[in-house]
């Protein structure tokens, strides 16, 4: 294993193997496994869980890490090919990535969607350029339309909870004051489909995920024995649900148009997950969210603080599954 770019690159058996390794490292630590190894972490965007979990995981395996956040103590970095660099950025990724890779044994990069051109973001143009410039083991710490580390942690969380492989998984849009990236919803719908679940994407009109995202998820479901459907009917979508996974995202039809996006979402503030959403779900239905979450905007306090919430467990699993990924990348 040389790269961890996309959970879709792995079979279900390979995912199960990574989760088994994560569980083993959780129960039986190997504090010298990666002694002497260095992990480079390049954060083009803010982070809490990803930053802390990778650093903590590397330390627990006996290695070390360094963090670079362009513009905060280092030069700003340009990502566009062919850019005329006469503005703020003094460094280009074509030099920065190979240099950083030369200082470490593995490199992770976090770089969100630009949010202006949907097709370019779906193509992962900038992120693929950066990944191709790295000649060391490489980790996707979130790109324009993917977040494989979060999805691996979510898969493990459901396994830990005993959620059936073919259970009903509802990915629901939730309200946020502004458009958020498609990375987590795109990765999540694919992960649940790859796991073999009955996946329903619940969203208001105007917030259907891009067809490229849904087509990938449907293909994964066909291979695993799962299903993927969409609905704007909350009650029917949640009927019999084992998991309600809430996430905020922007409208593909308003992509890059802040004014149109604001108008579209203005009347949708009732898409805040509350306890009454679970009326037709299974009594044991779990609530999941990748965090961060705006309380009483996207999700009510009663849900986040209630017995069905698994958000802290998901976040804790980020560290242990990433330890498994780093172990495979750097120890074999």
Protein backbone atom coordinates (compact mmCIF):
# COMPACT_ATOMS: atom_id res chain seq x y z
CA UNK A 1 0.00 0.00 0.00
CA UNK A 2 1.57 3.24 -1.21
CA UNK A 3 -1.39 5.62 -1.27
CA UNK A 4 -4.60 6.21 0.60
CA UNK A 5 -6.52 8.42 -1.78
CA UNK A 6 -10.00 6.93 -2.00
CA UNK A 7 -11.81 4.16 -0.12
CA UNK A 8 -13.08 3.02 -3.53
CA UNK A 9 -9.52 1.88 -4.33
CA UNK A 10 -9.96 -0.95 -1.81
CA UNK A 11 -12.16 -4.04 -1.82
CA UNK A 12 -14.52 -4.71 1.06
CA UNK A 13 -12.08 -7.38 2.30
CA UNK A 14 -9.23 -4.88 2.24
CA UNK A 15 -11.33 -2.36 4.17
CA UNK A 16 -12.17 -5.07 6.69
CA UNK A 17 -8.45 -5.82 7.01
CA UNK A 18 -7.67 -2.16 7.75
CA UNK A 19 -10.42 -2.03 10.35
CA UNK A 20 -9.16 -5.24 11.94
CA UNK A 21 -5.66 -3.75 12.11
CA UNK A 22 -7.07 -0.55 13.64
CA UNK A 23 -8.85 -2.60 16.28
CA UNK A 24 -5.67 -4.57 17.00
CA UNK A 25 -3.59 -1.41 17.40
CA UNK A 26 -6.31 0.02 19.63
CA UNK A 27 -6.32 -3.03 21.90
CA UNK A 28 -2.63 -3.94 21.66
CA UNK A 29 -0.54 -0.80 21.08
CA UNK A 30 2.77 -0.95 19.22
CA UNK A 31 4.52 2.18 20.51
CA UNK A 32 7.72 1.51 18.54
CA UNK A 33 6.20 0.34 15.24
CA UNK A 34 7.09 3.53 13.33
CA UNK A 35 10.07 4.67 15.39
CA UNK A 36 12.21 7.03 13.36
CA UNK A 37 9.51 7.67 10.75
CA UNK A 38 8.33 11.20 9.98
CA UNK A 39 4.89 12.18 8.69
CA UNK A 40 4.52 15.50 6.88
CA UNK A 41 1.11 17.18 7.12
CA UNK A 42 0.17 19.95 4.69
CA UNK A 43 -3.05 21.75 5.62
CA UNK A 44 -4.34 24.12 2.97
CA UNK A 45 -7.54 24.46 5.05
CA UNK A 46 -8.45 24.49 8.75
CA UNK A 47 -8.75 21.35 10.83
CA UNK A 48 -9.28 20.08 14.35
CA UNK A 49 -9.86 16.30 14.29
CA UNK A 50 -7.73 15.58 11.22
CA UNK A 51 -4.77 17.57 12.49
CA UNK A 52 -4.89 16.26 16.06
CA UNK A 53 -5.71 12.64 15.15
CA UNK A 54 -2.86 12.26 12.67
CA UNK A 55 -0.33 13.78 15.04
CA UNK A 56 -1.57 11.69 17.98
CA UNK A 57 -1.72 8.52 15.91
CA UNK A 58 1.81 8.97 14.62
CA UNK A 59 3.10 9.57 18.16
CA UNK A 60 1.30 6.47 19.46
CA UNK A 61 3.14 4.43 16.83
CA UNK A 62 6.49 5.89 17.87
CA UNK A 63 6.92 8.27 14.94
CA UNK A 64 6.86 12.04 14.67
CA UNK A 65 5.25 14.63 12.41
CA UNK A 66 5.53 18.20 11.21
CA UNK A 67 2.68 20.49 10.16
CA UNK A 68 2.72 23.14 7.44
CA UNK A 69 -0.18 25.58 7.10
CA UNK A 70 0.58 27.90 4.16
CA UNK A 71 0.34 31.57 5.08
CA UNK A 72 0.76 30.87 8.80
CA UNK A 73 4.47 31.01 9.39
CA UNK A 74 5.22 29.79 5.87
CA UNK A 75 4.75 31.19 2.38
CA UNK A 76 1.34 31.14 0.78
CA UNK A 77 1.14 28.38 -1.82
CA UNK A 78 -0.23 28.52 -5.36
CA UNK A 79 -1.99 25.36 -6.63
CA UNK A 80 -3.06 26.38 -10.16
CA UNK A 81 -1.13 25.14 -13.16
CA UNK A 82 0.02 27.93 -15.43
CA UNK A 83 -0.63 30.60 -12.83
CA UNK A 84 1.04 34.01 -13.20
CA UNK A 85 2.25 34.42 -9.64
CA UNK A 86 1.99 38.17 -9.27
CA UNK A 87 -0.34 38.15 -6.24
CA UNK A 88 0.00 36.81 -2.67
CA UNK A 89 1.41 33.32 -3.18
CA UNK A 90 5.21 33.10 -3.20
CA UNK A 91 5.50 29.32 -3.49
CA UNK A 92 4.06 26.87 -6.02
CA UNK A 93 3.07 23.30 -5.22
CA UNK A 94 5.31 22.10 -8.06
CA UNK A 95 8.29 22.95 -5.86
CA UNK A 96 6.68 22.82 -2.42
CA UNK A 97 5.36 19.24 -2.58
CA UNK A 98 8.61 17.58 -3.73
CA UNK A 99 10.57 19.58 -1.14
CA UNK A 100 8.23 18.62 1.72
CA UNK A 101 8.22 14.99 0.55
CA UNK A 102 12.02 14.95 0.73
CA UNK A 103 11.83 15.78 4.45
CA UNK A 104 9.46 12.97 5.46
CA UNK A 105 8.57 9.31 4.98
CA UNK A 106 4.90 9.94 4.18
CA UNK A 107 2.91 13.03 3.30
CA UNK A 108 -0.73 13.91 3.96
CA UNK A 109 -2.51 16.80 2.26
CA UNK A 110 -5.82 18.50 3.07
CA UNK A 111 -7.13 20.79 0.32
CA UNK A 112 -10.81 21.67 0.00
CA UNK A 113 -12.80 22.38 -3.14
CA UNK A 114 -12.40 25.87 -4.57
CA UNK A 115 -16.20 26.08 -4.81
CA UNK A 116 -16.33 27.99 -8.09
CA UNK A 117 -16.33 25.38 -10.87
CA UNK A 118 -18.23 22.17 -10.11
CA UNK A 119 -16.72 20.15 -12.95
CA UNK A 120 -13.16 21.12 -11.98
CA UNK A 121 -13.81 20.23 -8.34
CA UNK A 122 -15.41 16.90 -9.29
CA UNK A 123 -12.31 16.17 -11.37
CA UNK A 124 -10.07 16.86 -8.32
CA UNK A 125 -7.75 18.77 -10.65
CA UNK A 126 -5.64 20.58 -8.03
CA UNK A 127 -5.51 17.69 -5.59
CA UNK A 128 -4.45 15.16 -8.21
CA UNK A 129 -1.65 17.49 -9.28
CA UNK A 130 -0.37 17.64 -5.69
CA UNK A 131 -0.68 13.87 -5.20
CA UNK A 132 1.23 13.22 -8.43
CA UNK A 133 4.05 15.50 -7.28
CA UNK A 134 4.66 13.36 -4.18
CA UNK A 135 7.02 10.39 -4.52
CA UNK A 136 6.41 9.14 -0.97
CA UNK A 137 3.47 7.28 0.59
CA UNK A 138 0.55 9.66 0.40
CA UNK A 139 -2.66 10.24 2.38
CA UNK A 140 -5.76 12.17 1.33
CA UNK A 141 -6.76 14.14 4.44
CA UNK A 142 -9.76 15.60 2.53
CA UNK A 143 -9.95 16.77 -1.03
CA UNK A 144 -12.59 18.51 -3.13
CA UNK A 145 -15.01 15.58 -3.24
CA UNK A 146 -13.53 12.92 -0.98
CA UNK A 147 -12.67 12.25 2.65
CA UNK A 148 -11.55 8.61 2.86
CA UNK A 149 -10.22 8.87 6.43
CA UNK A 150 -13.63 9.99 7.69
CA UNK A 151 -15.36 7.24 5.74
CA UNK A 152 -13.04 4.55 7.10
CA UNK A 153 -13.73 5.79 10.64
CA UNK A 154 -17.48 5.80 9.98
CA UNK A 155 -17.32 2.22 8.64
CA UNK A 156 -15.47 1.11 11.77
CA UNK A 157 -17.96 2.95 13.98
CA UNK A 158 -20.86 1.09 12.41
CA UNK A 159 -19.01 -2.22 12.77
CA UNK A 160 -18.32 -1.43 16.43
CA UNK A 161 -22.02 -0.71 16.96
CA UNK A 162 -23.15 -3.89 15.24
CA UNK A 163 -25.04 -2.05 12.50
CA UNK A 164 -26.00 -4.70 9.91
CA UNK A 165 -24.05 -4.62 6.67
CA UNK A 166 -27.36 -4.45 4.80
CA UNK A 167 -29.03 -2.03 7.24
CA UNK A 168 -30.83 1.14 6.19
CA UNK A 169 -28.48 4.14 6.07
CA UNK A 170 -29.95 7.61 5.59
CA UNK A 171 -27.60 10.42 4.58
CA UNK A 172 -29.56 13.59 5.25
CA UNK A 173 -28.88 17.16 4.19
CA UNK A 174 -28.87 19.55 7.14
CA UNK A 175 -29.12 23.31 7.23
CA UNK A 176 -26.10 25.60 7.43
CA UNK A 177 -25.95 29.36 6.86
CA UNK A 178 -23.71 28.87 3.82
CA UNK A 179 -22.74 26.26 1.27
CA UNK A 180 -20.28 23.63 2.48
CA UNK A 181 -18.14 21.28 0.33
CA UNK A 182 -19.34 18.00 -1.18
CA UNK A 183 -16.40 15.94 0.10
CA UNK A 184 -18.04 14.27 3.11
CA UNK A 185 -21.46 13.59 1.56
CA UNK A 186 -19.82 12.19 -1.59
CA UNK A 187 -17.48 9.97 0.43
CA UNK A 188 -20.23 8.93 2.85
CA UNK A 189 -22.79 7.82 0.27
CA UNK A 190 -20.10 5.77 -1.46
CA UNK A 191 -18.85 4.25 1.80
CA UNK A 192 -22.32 3.11 2.86
CA UNK A 193 -23.00 1.71 -0.61
CA UNK A 194 -19.65 -0.09 -0.64
CA UNK A 195 -20.51 -1.59 2.75
CA UNK A 196 -23.63 -3.10 1.15
CA UNK A 197 -26.26 -0.96 2.85
CA UNK A 198 -29.70 0.25 1.79
CA UNK A 199 -28.68 3.86 1.26
CA UNK A 200 -31.13 6.75 1.01
CA UNK A 201 -29.97 10.29 0.30
CA UNK A 202 -32.55 12.56 1.95
CA UNK A 203 -32.40 16.15 0.71
CA UNK A 204 -34.62 19.08 -0.18
CA UNK A 205 -35.23 20.05 -3.78
CA UNK A 206 -32.15 21.65 -5.30
CA UNK A 207 -29.69 19.67 -3.17
CA UNK A 208 -29.41 16.41 -5.08
CA UNK A 209 -25.80 15.26 -5.13
CA UNK A 210 -24.09 15.46 -8.56
CA UNK A 211 -24.88 12.61 -10.91
CA UNK A 212 -21.19 11.60 -11.03
CA UNK A 213 -21.27 11.09 -7.24
CA UNK A 214 -24.51 9.11 -7.33
CA UNK A 215 -23.41 6.98 -10.27
CA UNK A 216 -20.26 5.95 -8.39
CA UNK A 217 -22.33 5.08 -5.34
CA UNK A 218 -24.80 3.05 -7.39
CA UNK A 219 -21.94 1.11 -8.96
CA UNK A 220 -20.50 0.37 -5.51
CA UNK A 221 -23.93 -0.76 -4.30
CA UNK A 222 -24.38 -3.05 -7.29
CA UNK A 223 -21.04 -4.71 -6.52
CA UNK A 224 -21.77 -5.12 -2.80
CA UNK A 225 -25.44 -6.10 -2.88
CA UNK A 226 -26.65 -2.75 -1.56
CA UNK A 227 -28.97 -0.11 -3.01
CA UNK A 228 -28.90 3.66 -3.43
CA UNK A 229 -31.96 5.91 -3.75
CA UNK A 230 -32.91 9.54 -3.20
CA UNK A 231 -35.86 11.21 -1.51
CA UNK A 232 -37.12 14.57 -0.32
CA UNK A 233 -39.75 12.90 1.92
CA UNK A 234 -38.28 12.82 5.41
CA UNK A 235 -40.81 10.48 6.96
CA UNK A 236 -40.60 7.75 4.34
CA UNK A 237 -36.81 8.03 4.01
CA UNK A 238 -36.27 7.51 7.73
CA UNK A 239 -38.72 4.65 8.12
CA UNK A 240 -36.81 1.67 9.52
CA UNK A 241 -33.46 3.48 9.49
CA UNK A 242 -30.55 1.95 11.39
CA UNK A 243 -28.41 5.09 10.94
CA UNK A 244 -29.18 8.74 10.31
CA UNK A 245 -26.03 10.50 9.11
CA UNK A 246 -26.51 14.27 8.85
CA UNK A 247 -24.29 16.52 6.75
CA UNK A 248 -24.50 20.02 5.33
CA UNK A 249 -23.62 20.71 1.69
CA UNK A 250 -24.09 23.29 -1.03
CA UNK A 251 -26.44 23.05 -3.98
CA UNK A 252 -24.74 21.76 -7.15
CA UNK A 253 -27.21 23.77 -9.24
CA UNK A 254 -26.07 27.01 -7.52
CA UNK A 255 -22.39 26.07 -7.39
CA UNK A 256 -20.22 29.17 -7.16
CA UNK A 257 -23.24 31.51 -7.03
CA UNK A 258 -23.49 32.68 -3.42
CA UNK A 259 -26.59 34.81 -3.98
CA UNK A 260 -28.59 32.02 -5.63
CA UNK A 261 -27.43 29.58 -2.97
CA UNK A 262 -28.53 31.91 -0.19
CA UNK A 263 -31.98 32.31 -1.73
CA UNK A 264 -32.39 28.56 -2.19
CA UNK A 265 -31.49 27.64 1.39
CA UNK A 266 -33.23 30.54 3.14
CA UNK A 267 -36.56 28.70 3.65
CA UNK A 268 -34.91 25.41 4.72
CA UNK A 269 -34.04 26.15 8.34
CA UNK A 270 -36.40 23.38 9.46
CA UNK A 271 -33.80 20.92 8.17
CA UNK A 272 -32.26 20.92 11.64
CA UNK A 273 -32.16 17.34 12.94
CA UNK A 274 -34.42 17.00 15.97
CA UNK A 275 -35.54 14.05 18.04
CA UNK A 276 -38.92 13.92 16.27
CA UNK A 277 -37.10 12.99 13.05
CA UNK A 278 -36.58 9.51 14.52
CA UNK A 279 -40.26 8.70 14.98
CA UNK A 280 -40.37 6.02 12.26
CA UNK A 281 -36.72 4.98 12.50
CA UNK A 282 -35.70 1.87 14.39
CA UNK A 283 -35.68 2.40 18.17
CA UNK A 284 -31.92 1.79 18.20
CA UNK A 285 -31.26 4.17 15.26
CA UNK A 286 -27.83 5.79 15.62
CA UNK A 287 -27.09 9.43 14.83
CA UNK A 288 -23.81 10.23 13.06
CA UNK A 289 -22.09 13.42 11.87
CA UNK A 290 -18.46 14.03 10.89
CA UNK A 291 -18.12 17.27 12.94
CA UNK A 292 -17.78 20.18 13.31
CA UNK A 293 -21.50 20.83 13.65
CA UNK A 294 -23.47 23.99 14.38
CA UNK A 295 -25.70 23.20 17.34
CA UNK A 296 -29.37 24.08 16.98
CA UNK A 297 -28.73 25.07 13.37
CA UNK A 298 -27.85 21.75 11.74
CA UNK A 299 -28.55 19.47 14.72
CA UNK A 300 -30.43 20.10 17.96
CA UNK A 301 -28.77 19.80 21.36
CA UNK A 302 -31.19 17.03 22.33
CA UNK A 303 -29.90 14.82 19.50
CA UNK A 304 -26.20 15.61 19.90
CA UNK A 305 -26.34 15.11 23.67
CA UNK A 306 -28.78 12.22 23.56
CA UNK A 307 -28.20 8.46 23.79
CA UNK A 308 -28.30 7.83 20.05
CA UNK A 309 -25.45 10.25 19.20
CA UNK A 310 -22.21 8.62 18.02
CA UNK A 311 -20.34 11.75 16.96
CA UNK A 312 -17.59 11.51 19.59
CA UNK A 313 -17.11 7.80 18.91
CA UNK A 314 -16.71 8.56 15.19
CA UNK A 315 -14.12 11.22 15.96
CA UNK A 316 -12.20 8.87 18.28
CA UNK A 317 -12.15 6.26 15.53
CA UNK A 318 -10.46 8.75 13.22
CA UNK A 319 -7.21 8.30 15.12
CA UNK A 320 -7.25 4.51 15.24
CA UNK A 321 -8.13 3.93 11.58
CA UNK A 322 -5.49 6.45 10.52
CA UNK A 323 -2.98 4.58 12.65
CA UNK A 324 -3.83 1.49 10.60
CA UNK A 325 -3.38 3.41 7.36
CA UNK A 326 0.00 4.79 8.48
CA UNK A 327 1.07 1.34 9.68
CA UNK A 328 0.30 -0.14 6.25
CA UNK A 329 1.99 2.73 4.42
CA UNK A 330 5.17 2.81 6.48
CA UNK A 331 5.59 -0.66 7.96
CA UNK A 332 3.89 -2.87 5.40
